[in-house]
Protein backbone atom coordinates (compact mmCIF):
# COMPACT_ATOMS: atom_id res chain seq x y z
CA MET A 1 0.00 0.00 0.00
CA ILE A 2 1.46 3.24 -1.11
CA PRO A 3 1.40 5.89 1.65
CA LYS A 4 -0.60 9.02 0.83
CA THR A 5 1.21 12.29 0.71
CA LEU A 6 -0.03 15.37 2.56
CA SER A 7 -0.31 18.92 1.10
CA LEU A 8 -0.83 22.11 3.03
CA THR A 9 -3.29 24.75 1.80
CA SER A 10 -3.33 28.13 3.60
CA PHE A 11 -6.55 30.19 3.86
CA SER A 12 -6.75 33.74 4.98
CA THR A 13 -8.82 34.71 7.93
CA PHE A 14 -10.67 37.17 5.69
CA LEU A 15 -12.54 34.43 3.80
CA LEU A 16 -16.27 34.89 4.17
CA PRO A 17 -18.02 32.44 6.47
CA HIS A 18 -19.88 30.61 3.67
CA GLN A 19 -16.64 29.84 1.81
CA PHE A 20 -15.32 27.37 4.34
CA LYS A 21 -16.49 25.48 7.36
CA THR A 22 -14.59 26.22 10.49
CA PRO A 23 -14.09 23.22 12.76
CA LYS A 24 -15.59 23.64 16.16
CA PHE A 25 -12.28 23.13 17.86
CA CYS A 26 -10.47 25.75 15.77
CA ASN A 27 -9.97 29.34 16.80
CA SER A 28 -11.22 31.66 14.01
CA SER A 29 -8.47 34.14 14.65
CA ARG A 30 -5.68 31.75 13.63
CA THR A 31 -4.48 30.31 10.31
CA ILE A 32 -6.30 27.06 9.50
CA VAL A 33 -4.25 24.05 8.20
CA ILE A 34 -6.24 21.39 6.34
CA CYS A 35 -4.75 18.03 5.24
CA LYS A 36 -5.95 16.66 1.93
CA PRO A 37 -4.96 13.19 0.52
CA ILE A 38 -3.63 12.91 -3.07
CA ASN A 39 -3.72 9.53 -4.76
CA SER A 40 -0.89 9.99 -7.20
CA GLN A 41 1.51 12.44 -8.67
CA THR A 42 -0.57 12.58 -11.84
CA GLN A 43 -3.57 13.68 -9.94
CA GLN A 44 -1.44 16.30 -8.28
CA GLN A 45 -0.31 17.62 -11.65
CA ASN A 46 -3.82 17.71 -13.06
CA GLN A 47 -5.26 19.47 -10.05
CA PRO A 48 -5.71 23.20 -10.67
CA PRO A 49 -3.65 25.44 -8.42
CA LEU A 50 -5.50 26.67 -5.35
CA GLN A 51 -5.63 30.44 -4.94
CA THR A 52 -6.06 32.40 -1.83
CA GLN A 53 -9.46 34.17 -1.85
CA LEU A 54 -9.75 37.56 -0.21
CA SER A 55 -13.13 39.23 0.25
CA VAL A 56 -11.81 42.43 1.82
CA ALA A 57 -8.52 44.04 0.90
CA SER A 58 -6.50 45.07 3.90
CA PRO A 59 -3.29 47.03 3.86
CA GLU A 60 -0.20 45.18 5.01
CA SER A 61 0.49 47.78 7.64
CA GLN A 62 -2.57 46.57 9.55
CA GLY A 63 -0.85 43.32 10.28
CA THR A 64 -1.46 39.68 9.45
CA GLY A 65 -2.29 36.63 11.41
CA ALA A 66 -3.18 37.36 14.98
CA ALA A 67 -2.43 41.09 14.47
CA ALA A 68 -4.90 41.43 11.58
CA PRO A 69 -8.00 43.66 12.26
CA THR A 70 -11.25 41.90 13.05
CA ARG A 71 -14.42 42.35 11.02
CA GLY A 72 -15.73 44.67 13.70
CA ASP A 73 -12.70 46.91 13.34
CA ILE A 74 -13.18 47.03 9.57
CA PHE A 75 -16.89 47.87 9.98
CA LEU A 76 -16.10 50.73 12.35
CA GLU A 77 -13.45 52.08 10.00
CA ARG A 78 -15.92 52.04 7.11
CA GLN A 79 -18.52 53.90 9.17
CA GLN A 80 -15.95 56.55 10.08
CA HIS A 81 -15.12 57.07 6.38
CA LEU A 82 -18.81 57.37 5.48
CA ALA A 83 -19.42 59.87 8.27
CA ALA A 84 -16.45 61.97 7.13
CA SER A 85 -17.74 61.93 3.53
CA ALA A 86 -21.23 62.96 4.63
CA SER A 87 -19.78 65.80 6.72
CA ALA A 88 -17.76 67.03 3.73
CA LEU A 89 -20.89 66.99 1.55
CA VAL A 90 -22.83 69.03 4.13
CA ILE A 91 -20.04 71.63 4.26
CA GLU A 92 -19.95 71.82 0.45
CA LYS A 93 -23.73 72.28 0.28
CA LYS A 94 -23.54 75.11 2.83
CA LYS A 95 -20.85 76.84 0.77
CA LYS A 96 -22.97 76.55 -2.39
CA LYS A 97 -26.05 77.82 -0.56
CA LYS A 98 -24.13 80.80 0.84
CA LYS A 99 -22.73 81.57 -2.60
CA ALA A 100 -26.21 81.41 -4.14
CA LYS A 101 -27.56 83.70 -1.42
CA THR A 102 -24.78 86.20 -2.03
CA SER A 103 -25.56 86.18 -5.74
CA GLY A 104 -28.77 88.07 -4.97
CA SER A 105 -26.85 91.10 -3.72
CA LEU A 106 -25.60 94.08 -5.68
CA LYS A 107 -22.11 92.67 -6.07
CA SER A 108 -23.08 89.59 -8.07
CA THR A 109 -25.66 91.43 -10.16
CA SER A 110 -22.88 92.61 -12.43
CA THR A 111 -21.30 89.17 -12.81
CA SER A 112 -24.35 86.89 -13.12
CA THR A 113 -26.28 89.17 -15.53
CA TYR A 114 -24.73 91.66 -17.90
CA SER A 115 -26.18 95.15 -17.57
CA CYS A 116 -26.05 98.42 -19.45
CA TYR A 117 -23.18 100.47 -18.04
CA GLY A 118 -25.18 103.67 -18.49
CA CYS A 119 -28.32 102.87 -16.47
CA GLY A 120 -27.72 99.45 -14.88
CA ALA A 121 -30.69 97.78 -16.61
CA PRO A 122 -30.19 94.06 -17.49
CA LEU A 123 -29.50 93.66 -21.18
CA GLN A 124 -32.35 92.15 -23.22
CA ILE A 125 -33.31 91.79 -26.88
CA SER A 126 -37.09 91.21 -26.66
CA GLU A 127 -38.85 94.46 -25.60
CA THR A 128 -37.79 97.45 -27.66
CA ASP A 129 -39.44 100.03 -25.37
CA ALA A 130 -38.01 98.65 -22.12
CA PRO A 131 -34.73 99.71 -20.49
CA GLY A 132 -31.75 97.56 -21.41
CA TYR A 133 -32.86 96.80 -24.98
CA VAL A 134 -30.06 96.02 -27.44
CA GLU A 135 -30.43 95.02 -31.09
CA PRO A 136 -29.94 91.24 -31.45
CA GLU A 137 -27.13 91.62 -34.00
CA THR A 138 -25.20 93.96 -31.71
CA TYR A 139 -25.77 91.71 -28.71
CA GLU A 140 -24.52 88.58 -30.49
CA LEU A 141 -21.47 90.39 -31.86
CA LYS A 142 -20.52 91.77 -28.42
CA LYS A 143 -21.16 88.39 -26.84
CA LYS A 144 -18.92 86.69 -29.35
CA HIS A 145 -16.06 89.04 -28.52
CA ARG A 146 -16.85 89.02 -24.78
CA GLN A 147 -17.63 92.73 -24.74
CA LEU A 148 -21.11 92.71 -23.16
CA ARG A 149 -19.87 94.96 -20.34
CA THR A 150 -19.26 97.74 -22.86
CA ILE A 151 -22.82 97.94 -24.26
CA LEU A 152 -25.02 101.03 -23.92
CA CYS A 153 -28.74 100.25 -24.26
CA GLY A 154 -31.03 102.06 -26.72
CA ARG A 155 -32.74 104.14 -24.01
CA CYS A 156 -29.41 105.46 -22.72
CA ARG A 157 -28.39 106.43 -26.25
CA LEU A 158 -31.54 108.54 -26.55
CA LEU A 159 -31.04 110.07 -23.10
CA SER A 160 -27.48 111.02 -23.99
CA HIS A 161 -28.88 112.96 -26.97
CA GLY A 162 -31.34 114.96 -24.87
CA HIS A 163 -34.49 112.85 -25.18
CA MET A 164 -36.72 112.66 -22.05
CA ILE A 165 -37.63 109.00 -21.63
CA THR A 166 -38.73 107.88 -18.19
CA ALA A 167 -38.65 104.23 -17.15
CA VAL A 168 -40.40 104.39 -13.79
CA GLY A 169 -44.13 103.74 -13.78
CA GLY A 170 -46.35 106.19 -11.92
CA ASN A 171 -43.81 109.03 -12.14
CA GLY A 172 -43.45 111.86 -14.61
CA GLY A 173 -47.05 111.65 -15.79
CA TYR A 174 -46.86 107.97 -16.81
CA ALA A 175 -49.30 105.49 -15.29
CA GLY A 176 -46.83 102.66 -15.85
CA GLY A 177 -46.88 99.52 -17.95
CA LYS A 178 -45.14 96.27 -18.73
CA GLN A 179 -41.92 97.99 -19.72
CA PHE A 180 -41.75 100.24 -16.64
CA VAL A 181 -39.91 99.62 -13.39
CA THR A 182 -41.89 100.48 -10.26
CA ALA A 183 -40.52 102.73 -7.55
CA GLU A 184 -41.04 99.88 -5.05
CA GLU A 185 -38.83 97.57 -7.14
CA LEU A 186 -36.06 100.15 -7.13
CA ARG A 187 -36.27 100.46 -3.35
CA GLU A 188 -36.17 96.69 -3.00
CA LYS A 189 -32.82 96.60 -4.80
CA LEU A 190 -31.34 98.66 -1.94
CA ARG A 191 -32.83 96.75 1.01
CA HIS A 192 -29.81 94.48 1.46
CA LEU A 193 -27.55 97.44 2.32
CA ARG A 194 -28.68 97.51 5.94
CA HIS A 195 -27.30 93.96 6.37
CA GLU A 196 -23.90 94.66 4.78
CA LYS A 197 -20.83 96.50 5.99
CA ALA A 198 -20.57 99.44 3.63
CA LEU A 199 -19.84 103.15 3.47
CA ILE A 200 -22.86 105.23 2.45
CA VAL A 201 -22.48 108.51 0.56
CA LYS A 202 -25.87 110.24 0.77
CA LEU A 203 -26.62 113.09 -1.63
CA VAL A 204 -29.02 115.98 -0.94
CA ASP A 205 -30.01 118.79 -3.32
CA ILE A 206 -29.58 122.18 -1.58
CA VAL A 207 -32.34 123.70 -3.76
CA ASP A 208 -34.75 121.00 -2.57
CA PHE A 209 -33.14 120.10 0.74
CA ASN A 210 -36.23 118.83 2.58
CA GLY A 211 -37.79 117.16 -0.44
CA SER A 212 -34.65 115.20 -1.35
CA PHE A 213 -33.33 114.37 2.12
CA LEU A 214 -34.82 110.81 2.37
CA ALA A 215 -36.32 110.92 5.84
CA HIS A 216 -36.35 107.10 6.09
CA VAL A 217 -32.80 106.57 4.91
CA ARG A 218 -32.09 104.44 8.00
CA ASP A 219 -34.39 101.77 6.53
CA LEU A 220 -31.90 101.46 3.67
CA ALA A 221 -28.53 102.25 5.24
CA GLY A 222 -29.02 100.63 8.66
CA ALA A 223 -26.19 101.46 11.07
CA ASN A 224 -23.59 102.02 8.32
CA PRO A 225 -21.67 105.33 8.52
CA ILE A 226 -22.96 108.10 6.25
CA ILE A 227 -21.07 110.88 4.47
CA LEU A 228 -23.62 113.60 3.68
CA VAL A 229 -22.93 115.41 0.41
CA VAL A 230 -24.91 118.58 -0.33
CA THR A 231 -24.96 119.12 -4.11
CA LYS A 232 -25.55 122.13 -6.40
CA VAL A 233 -24.27 124.74 -3.94
CA ASP A 234 -23.07 126.77 -6.92
CA LEU A 235 -26.76 127.58 -7.59
CA LEU A 236 -27.17 129.53 -4.35
CA PRO A 237 -27.47 133.33 -4.67
CA LYS A 238 -24.33 135.39 -5.07
CA GLY A 239 -22.70 136.49 -1.81
CA THR A 240 -23.94 133.50 0.22
CA ASP A 241 -21.85 132.79 3.32
CA PHE A 242 -21.10 129.05 3.22
CA ASP A 243 -20.11 129.04 6.88
CA CYS A 244 -23.75 129.83 7.65
CA ILE A 245 -25.02 127.29 5.09
CA GLY A 246 -22.81 124.52 6.52
CA ASP A 247 -23.96 125.21 10.07
CA TRP A 248 -27.61 125.31 8.92
CA VAL A 249 -27.25 121.92 7.16
CA VAL A 250 -25.58 120.30 10.20
CA GLU A 251 -28.35 121.59 12.49
CA ALA A 252 -31.03 120.17 10.19
CA THR A 253 -29.16 116.84 9.91
CA MET A 254 -28.78 116.38 13.66
CA ARG A 255 -32.55 116.44 14.06
CA LYS A 256 -32.74 113.32 11.84
CA LYS A 257 -30.55 111.32 14.28
CA LEU A 258 -28.47 109.63 11.58
CA ASN A 259 -24.94 108.20 11.80
CA VAL A 260 -23.45 111.09 9.80
CA ILE A 261 -19.67 111.37 10.15
CA SER A 262 -19.15 114.48 7.98
CA VAL A 263 -20.99 117.01 5.78
CA HIS A 264 -19.59 118.31 2.47
CA MET A 265 -20.78 121.22 0.31
CA THR A 266 -20.14 120.37 -3.35
CA SER A 267 -20.84 121.19 -6.96
CA SER A 268 -20.39 118.46 -9.56
CA LYS A 269 -20.43 121.05 -12.34
CA SER A 270 -17.59 123.23 -11.02
CA LEU A 271 -15.93 120.41 -8.99
CA VAL A 272 -16.12 122.55 -5.83
CA GLY A 273 -15.74 120.36 -2.75
CA ILE A 274 -15.33 117.11 -4.72
CA ALA A 275 -11.69 116.65 -3.66
CA GLY A 276 -12.70 116.80 0.00
CA VAL A 277 -15.36 114.12 -0.47
CA VAL A 278 -12.95 111.84 -2.33
CA SER A 279 -10.36 112.22 0.43
CA GLU A 280 -12.99 111.44 3.08
CA ILE A 281 -14.16 108.34 1.18
CA GLN A 282 -10.62 106.98 0.91
CA LYS A 283 -10.09 107.65 4.59
CA GLU A 284 -13.30 105.99 5.81
CA LYS A 285 -13.64 103.22 3.21
CA LYS A 286 -11.43 100.69 5.03
CA GLY A 287 -11.87 97.97 2.42
CA ARG A 288 -15.65 98.34 2.24
CA ASP A 289 -17.73 99.00 -0.85
CA VAL A 290 -19.05 102.54 -1.29
CA TYR A 291 -22.70 103.13 -2.20
CA ILE A 292 -24.06 106.42 -3.54
CA LEU A 293 -27.62 106.94 -2.25
CA GLY A 294 -30.07 109.73 -2.90
CA ALA A 295 -33.47 110.70 -4.20
CA ALA A 296 -34.18 110.43 -7.91
CA ASN A 297 -32.53 113.13 -10.01
CA VAL A 298 -30.52 114.52 -7.10
CA GLY A 299 -27.28 114.33 -9.10
CA LYS A 300 -25.77 110.95 -8.18
CA SER A 301 -24.44 110.12 -11.64
CA ALA A 302 -23.00 113.62 -12.05
CA PHE A 303 -21.31 113.31 -8.65
CA ILE A 304 -19.81 109.93 -9.58
CA ASN A 305 -18.45 111.30 -12.85
CA ALA A 306 -16.90 114.25 -11.01
CA SER A 307 -15.40 111.90 -8.39
CA LEU A 308 -13.94 109.63 -11.08
CA LYS A 309 -12.41 112.67 -12.76
CA MET A 310 -10.79 113.66 -9.46
CA LEU A 311 -9.64 110.10 -8.68
CA SER A 312 -8.20 109.53 -12.15
CA ASN A 313 -5.42 112.05 -11.49
CA LYS A 314 -3.69 109.54 -9.20
CA ASP A 315 -5.54 106.26 -9.72
CA PRO A 316 -5.19 104.44 -13.10
CA VAL A 317 -8.13 102.18 -12.19
CA ALA A 318 -10.44 105.21 -11.90
CA ALA A 319 -9.06 106.59 -15.16
CA MET A 320 -10.06 103.36 -16.90
CA ALA A 321 -13.53 103.42 -15.26
CA ARG A 322 -14.23 106.89 -16.74
CA LYS A 323 -14.51 105.32 -20.18
CA TYR A 324 -17.76 103.58 -19.20
CA LYS A 325 -19.39 106.01 -16.80
CA PRO A 326 -23.12 106.30 -15.92
CA ILE A 327 -25.47 108.38 -18.05
CA GLN A 328 -26.57 111.82 -16.75
CA SER A 329 -30.10 113.05 -17.47
CA ALA A 330 -32.82 115.29 -16.04
CA VAL A 331 -35.24 112.34 -16.11
CA PRO A 332 -35.93 110.88 -12.65
CA GLY A 333 -35.09 107.20 -12.83
CA THR A 334 -32.26 107.44 -15.34
CA THR A 335 -30.47 104.73 -13.34
CA VAL A 336 -32.78 101.69 -13.07
CA GLY A 337 -30.27 99.18 -11.71
CA PRO A 338 -27.11 99.12 -9.59
CA ILE A 339 -23.94 99.98 -11.52
CA PRO A 340 -20.66 98.65 -10.03
CA ILE A 341 -17.61 100.75 -10.87
CA ASN A 342 -13.99 99.76 -10.28
CA ALA A 343 -12.86 103.10 -8.91
CA PHE A 344 -10.33 102.18 -6.21
CA LEU A 345 -6.85 100.78 -6.65
CA GLY A 346 -6.83 99.07 -3.25
CA GLY A 347 -10.04 97.04 -3.74
CA GLY A 348 -13.71 97.70 -3.09
CA LYS A 349 -16.18 99.08 -5.60
CA LEU A 350 -18.15 102.27 -6.07
CA TYR A 351 -21.88 101.66 -6.73
CA ASP A 352 -24.22 104.04 -8.50
CA THR A 353 -27.66 103.04 -7.21
CA PRO A 354 -31.18 103.69 -8.53
CA GLY A 355 -32.66 106.91 -7.22
CA VAL A 356 -35.28 106.60 -4.50
CA HIS A 357 -38.51 107.91 -6.02
CA LEU A 358 -40.46 110.17 -3.69
CA HIS A 359 -44.10 110.64 -4.65
CA HIS A 360 -44.34 113.92 -2.73
CA ARG A 361 -42.10 115.82 -5.18
CA GLN A 362 -43.30 117.89 -8.13
CA ALA A 363 -41.34 115.67 -10.53
CA ALA A 364 -43.79 112.84 -9.74
CA VAL A 365 -46.82 114.77 -11.08
CA VAL A 366 -45.57 116.57 -14.21
CA HIS A 367 -44.97 115.04 -17.63
CA SER A 368 -41.46 114.05 -18.66
CA HIS A 369 -41.15 116.85 -21.24
CA ASP A 370 -41.73 119.41 -18.43
CA LEU A 371 -39.03 117.99 -16.17
CA PRO A 372 -36.20 120.23 -17.48
CA ALA A 373 -38.22 123.27 -16.39
CA LEU A 374 -37.98 122.10 -12.74
CA ALA A 375 -34.17 121.94 -12.79
CA PRO A 376 -32.39 125.30 -12.25
CA ARG A 377 -29.73 125.92 -14.87
CA SER A 378 -28.04 128.99 -13.37
CA ARG A 379 -27.53 130.78 -10.07
CA LEU A 380 -30.77 131.45 -8.19
CA ARG A 381 -32.01 135.00 -7.91
CA GLY A 382 -34.85 135.57 -5.51
CA GLN A 383 -37.94 137.34 -6.84
CA SER A 384 -39.54 139.43 -4.08
CA PHE A 385 -43.13 140.60 -3.65
CA THR A 386 -43.87 143.61 -1.45
CA LYS A 387 -46.71 146.11 -1.47
CA GLN A 388 -44.63 148.61 -3.39
CA VAL A 389 -43.43 146.08 -5.97
CA VAL A 390 -46.98 144.95 -6.64
CA MET A 391 -48.17 148.53 -7.07
CA ASP A 392 -45.34 149.43 -9.43
CA GLU A 393 -45.04 146.30 -11.56
CA TRP A 394 -48.14 144.12 -11.34
CA VAL A 395 -51.21 146.33 -10.94
CA SER A 396 -52.23 147.95 -14.22
CA GLU A 397 -55.33 149.71 -12.95
CA LYS A 398 -55.24 152.12 -10.05
CA MET A 399 -55.86 150.26 -6.80
CA GLU A 400 -55.51 151.22 -3.17
CA PHE A 401 -54.37 148.59 -0.66
CA SER A 402 -52.42 148.69 2.58
CA ASP A 403 -50.64 145.34 2.31
CA LEU A 404 -50.53 142.12 0.27
CA SER A 405 -53.63 140.66 1.91
CA GLY A 406 -56.21 139.71 -0.69
CA PHE A 407 -53.69 138.78 -3.39
CA SER A 408 -52.77 135.35 -4.79
CA ILE A 409 -49.38 134.46 -6.25
CA PHE A 410 -49.11 131.65 -8.84
CA TRP A 411 -45.81 129.79 -9.24
CA GLY A 412 -46.33 128.38 -12.70
CA GLY A 413 -49.31 126.03 -12.69
CA LEU A 414 -47.92 124.10 -9.73
CA VAL A 415 -48.35 126.40 -6.71
CA ARG A 416 -50.85 129.03 -5.63
CA ILE A 417 -50.37 131.10 -2.47
CA ASP A 418 -53.32 133.04 -1.07
CA ILE A 419 -52.16 135.85 1.24
CA LEU A 420 -54.72 136.14 4.05
CA LYS A 421 -52.99 138.19 6.72
CA VAL A 422 -49.61 139.98 6.64
CA LEU A 423 -47.95 143.14 7.87
CA PRO A 424 -47.76 146.18 5.59
CA GLU A 425 -44.00 145.68 5.32
CA THR A 426 -44.11 141.88 4.71
CA CYS A 427 -41.97 140.54 1.87
CA LEU A 428 -42.29 137.13 0.16
CA THR A 429 -39.18 136.06 -1.81
CA PHE A 430 -39.33 133.08 -4.21
CA TYR A 431 -36.24 130.94 -4.95
CA GLY A 432 -36.56 128.39 -7.74
CA PRO A 433 -36.01 127.66 -11.45
CA LYS A 434 -36.37 130.62 -13.78
CA ALA A 435 -38.42 128.59 -16.25
CA VAL A 436 -41.35 128.48 -13.80
CA LYS A 437 -42.79 132.01 -13.95
CA LEU A 438 -44.54 133.95 -11.18
CA HIS A 439 -47.85 135.85 -11.52
CA ILE A 440 -49.92 137.77 -8.94
CA VAL A 441 -53.65 138.51 -9.18
CA PRO A 442 -56.40 139.47 -6.71
CA THR A 443 -57.64 136.42 -4.82
CA ASN A 444 -61.24 136.94 -5.96
CA LYS A 445 -60.10 136.50 -9.57
CA ALA A 446 -57.56 133.70 -8.91
CA GLU A 447 -59.84 130.74 -9.72
CA GLN A 448 -60.95 132.16 -13.03
CA PHE A 449 -57.39 133.19 -13.95
CA TYR A 450 -56.07 129.67 -13.24
CA LYS A 451 -58.70 127.90 -15.36
CA LYS A 452 -58.03 130.22 -18.27
CA GLU A 453 -54.24 130.38 -18.20
CA VAL A 454 -53.13 126.93 -16.97
CA GLY A 455 -50.98 125.40 -19.69
CA VAL A 456 -50.72 128.76 -21.49
CA VAL A 457 -49.14 131.31 -19.15
CA LEU A 458 -49.07 129.09 -16.07
CA THR A 459 -46.68 126.30 -17.04
CA PRO A 460 -45.95 123.53 -16.24
CA PRO A 461 -48.19 121.64 -16.97
CA SER A 462 -48.13 121.97 -20.73
CA GLY A 463 -48.99 120.11 -23.91
CA GLU A 464 -51.16 117.04 -23.78
CA GLN A 465 -51.06 116.86 -19.98
CA VAL A 466 -53.26 119.98 -19.63
CA ALA A 467 -56.37 118.08 -20.75
CA GLU A 468 -56.02 115.55 -17.92
CA TRP A 469 -54.54 117.93 -15.32
CA THR A 470 -56.53 117.65 -12.08
CA GLY A 471 -55.45 121.02 -10.68
CA LEU A 472 -54.24 122.10 -7.25
CA GLU A 473 -56.22 119.75 -5.03
CA THR A 474 -54.27 120.06 -1.77
CA VAL A 475 -54.61 123.18 0.39
CA ARG A 476 -52.55 123.78 3.53
CA GLN A 477 -53.29 126.64 5.89
CA LEU A 478 -50.20 128.16 7.51
CA GLN A 479 -50.25 130.26 10.69
CA ILE A 480 -46.72 131.68 10.99
CA ARG A 481 -45.79 133.40 14.25
CA PHE A 482 -42.59 135.40 14.72
CA ASP A 483 -40.81 137.27 17.51
CA ASN A 484 -37.96 138.98 15.69
CA THR A 485 -38.67 141.30 12.79
CA LYS A 486 -34.98 141.65 11.95
CA ARG A 487 -34.78 138.16 10.42
CA PRO A 488 -37.10 136.02 8.26
CA ALA A 489 -39.81 134.15 10.11
CA CYS A 490 -39.45 130.90 8.14
CA ASP A 491 -39.12 129.23 4.75
CA VAL A 492 -42.06 127.54 3.03
CA ALA A 493 -40.42 124.81 0.94
CA ILE A 494 -42.33 123.17 -1.94
CA SER A 495 -41.04 119.64 -2.46
CA GLY A 496 -39.30 119.33 -5.82
CA LEU A 497 -39.50 123.00 -6.79
CA GLY A 498 -37.88 125.53 -4.40
CA TRP A 499 -38.77 127.65 -1.39
CA ILE A 500 -40.37 130.93 -0.32
CA THR A 501 -38.71 133.07 2.36
CA VAL A 502 -41.29 134.83 4.55
CA GLU A 503 -39.95 138.12 5.94
CA PRO A 504 -42.31 139.94 8.34
CA VAL A 505 -40.49 143.17 7.54
CA GLY A 506 -38.63 143.34 4.26
CA VAL A 507 -35.15 144.81 3.92
CA GLY A 508 -35.35 148.58 3.91
CA GLN A 509 -38.99 148.61 5.04
CA SER A 510 -40.27 150.74 7.92
CA GLN A 511 -40.80 149.07 11.32
CA THR A 512 -42.83 151.77 13.03
CA THR A 513 -45.92 149.85 14.02
CA VAL A 514 -44.67 146.27 14.03
CA GLU A 515 -43.46 145.94 17.62
CA GLU A 516 -46.36 147.88 19.15
CA LYS A 517 -49.15 145.37 18.48
CA GLU A 518 -48.78 141.80 19.66
CA MET A 519 -51.72 140.64 17.57
CA GLU A 520 -49.97 141.55 14.38
CA LYS A 521 -47.04 139.17 14.96
CA GLU A 522 -48.66 136.48 12.83
CA ILE A 523 -48.85 135.79 9.12
CA SER A 524 -51.57 133.64 7.52
CA LEU A 525 -51.18 131.93 4.15
CA ASP A 526 -53.06 129.27 2.17
CA VAL A 527 -50.79 127.17 -0.03
CA HIS A 528 -52.36 125.18 -2.92
CA VAL A 529 -50.35 122.36 -4.56
CA PRO A 530 -51.14 119.23 -6.62
CA LYS A 531 -52.29 116.17 -4.74
CA ALA A 532 -49.52 114.32 -2.81
CA VAL A 533 -46.97 117.18 -3.16
CA GLU A 534 -45.59 118.01 0.28
CA ILE A 535 -45.07 121.41 1.91
CA PHE A 536 -42.36 121.98 4.53
CA VAL A 537 -42.15 124.88 7.01
CA ARG A 538 -38.53 125.15 8.17
CA ASP A 539 -35.97 127.53 9.63
CA PRO A 540 -34.94 130.10 7.00
CA LEU A 541 -31.94 129.22 4.83
CA PRO A 542 -29.35 132.05 5.13
CA VAL A 543 -28.77 132.80 1.45
CA GLY A 544 -27.32 135.93 -0.09
CA LYS A 545 -25.28 138.61 1.57
CA VAL A 546 -28.15 139.52 3.89
CA GLY A 547 -28.40 135.93 5.16
CA GLY A 548 -24.96 136.07 6.71
CA GLU A 549 -25.95 139.20 8.62
CA TRP A 550 -29.03 137.88 10.40
CA TYR A 551 -27.98 134.23 10.88
CA GLN A 552 -27.13 133.29 14.49
CA TYR A 553 -24.95 130.34 15.52
CA ARG A 554 -26.24 128.21 18.37
CA ASP A 555 -24.14 127.77 21.52
CA LEU A 556 -22.96 124.16 21.77
CA THR A 557 -22.23 122.01 24.82
CA GLU A 558 -18.97 120.06 25.12
CA LYS A 559 -20.75 116.80 24.27
CA GLU A 560 -22.36 118.34 21.18
CA GLU A 561 -19.01 119.65 19.96
CA GLU A 562 -17.58 116.11 20.17
CA THR A 563 -20.48 114.27 18.52
CA ARG A 564 -21.60 116.93 16.04
CA PRO A 565 -20.47 116.12 12.47
CA LYS A 566 -18.02 118.56 10.89
CA TRP A 567 -18.84 120.26 7.62
CA HIS A 568 -16.35 120.93 4.81
CA PHE A 569 -16.28 123.24 1.82
């Protein structure tokens, strides 16, 4: 009998349980040795080679034999890898969500959607009457050459040639339509500012200070610091003392309780004061973006162009940005979308924002072709009305009257002032655009005169708007009391037009009987304006050479001197 030979076959401990049967006496953590008989050498040659089967790959560094990891260790390791992968996916999703959320802000508007560099409207090729329209051939050509950032839309081209095309529904005599942007939509584009860290440059028109101030600017700016820029100071009457004007502006600003860090008197046309604003912006910017805020048609685009001109002297980035600068126009709502401008060498952008449309201004009730008449083109010259002036220049027939009581003054077709009670020496001085003419008639003939002459002599309104003009529907009664006859009692400001200085005793007038009667220290006026137009009664603005003589500076406490914003000119 030929003895049977023995062969040794080694199996790894990582074989799955169904692939071999473990003897009850064997320890599963050790290498198993199985003896198999072989009948002959031929059978041994014909037998296929046995291969070690591994169900789970394990690195050699984890050990073999008794040092090899158990199935429990492998399971735990797998779970740790899965948990780490899931955590990485969650972090990646959060980053994508944050990036998508940020894309809704002003910054990403310029990168996700190409906009017209003149007005900020998204470029489109479907609606020819809407802002942002570009001819399809031009759009495709610019897109092919990656020059979409250099396109000026059709509306901006017309505006640059003097056409008056509004794009904001419900303003400028338009009821609105599919192609118009609403004033609420423009405000909504600025809501995110209160949640961002930014520097706010707020513009106010000195001719319409109260009407363009934006009383609720805190709803837009939040707690961000504000640089207040007063524009168009070159329009003030000749001889105006700007020390008095600066103090007057700071006093009016402090009543608003805003986070104003400085006040600047500027003119974008003559570049007066622009250098001081640019220096203040670079000082306070501190890596933040700068946003230009203001009411519609207050001069934001003109201010940005003047600032870029000043910055370009030392900053090549600003010099390049001047090539594609925002469009300037007398139409409220010229800018219908945010316009990012690379104006700073050290990072951060300058944003021209859509103007905040205020329905209480005259620009919201007149037609677009009458808007240029509301914008003063040259230095203001007050037109005064006294008893003597009326007798000499306005009354053709011989009339006897002791004062201006019983007369009505029309300021174009937009304002009517009925004089009910004044002193004999009272003087009313009107400051506003020269294109809006003044006329005075007896009050008992005022209604008839208005119906006959509105749209003819009393303009604006004019043209087609006269047929649907609803008239002066709002009447406000003013009881003005005064204590000092040596200075004006107050200003009556008409939102979006100008103001009237009420002087109890005009310059050079006699004061014989004024201080003797207490009952006469009151002036009564009725002011008629279109519906929704607001009337402000404020402290008199010290304009002209005479203003510097009667203006009085208020005594400040030590705390007020520290916290009060400084003004610059």
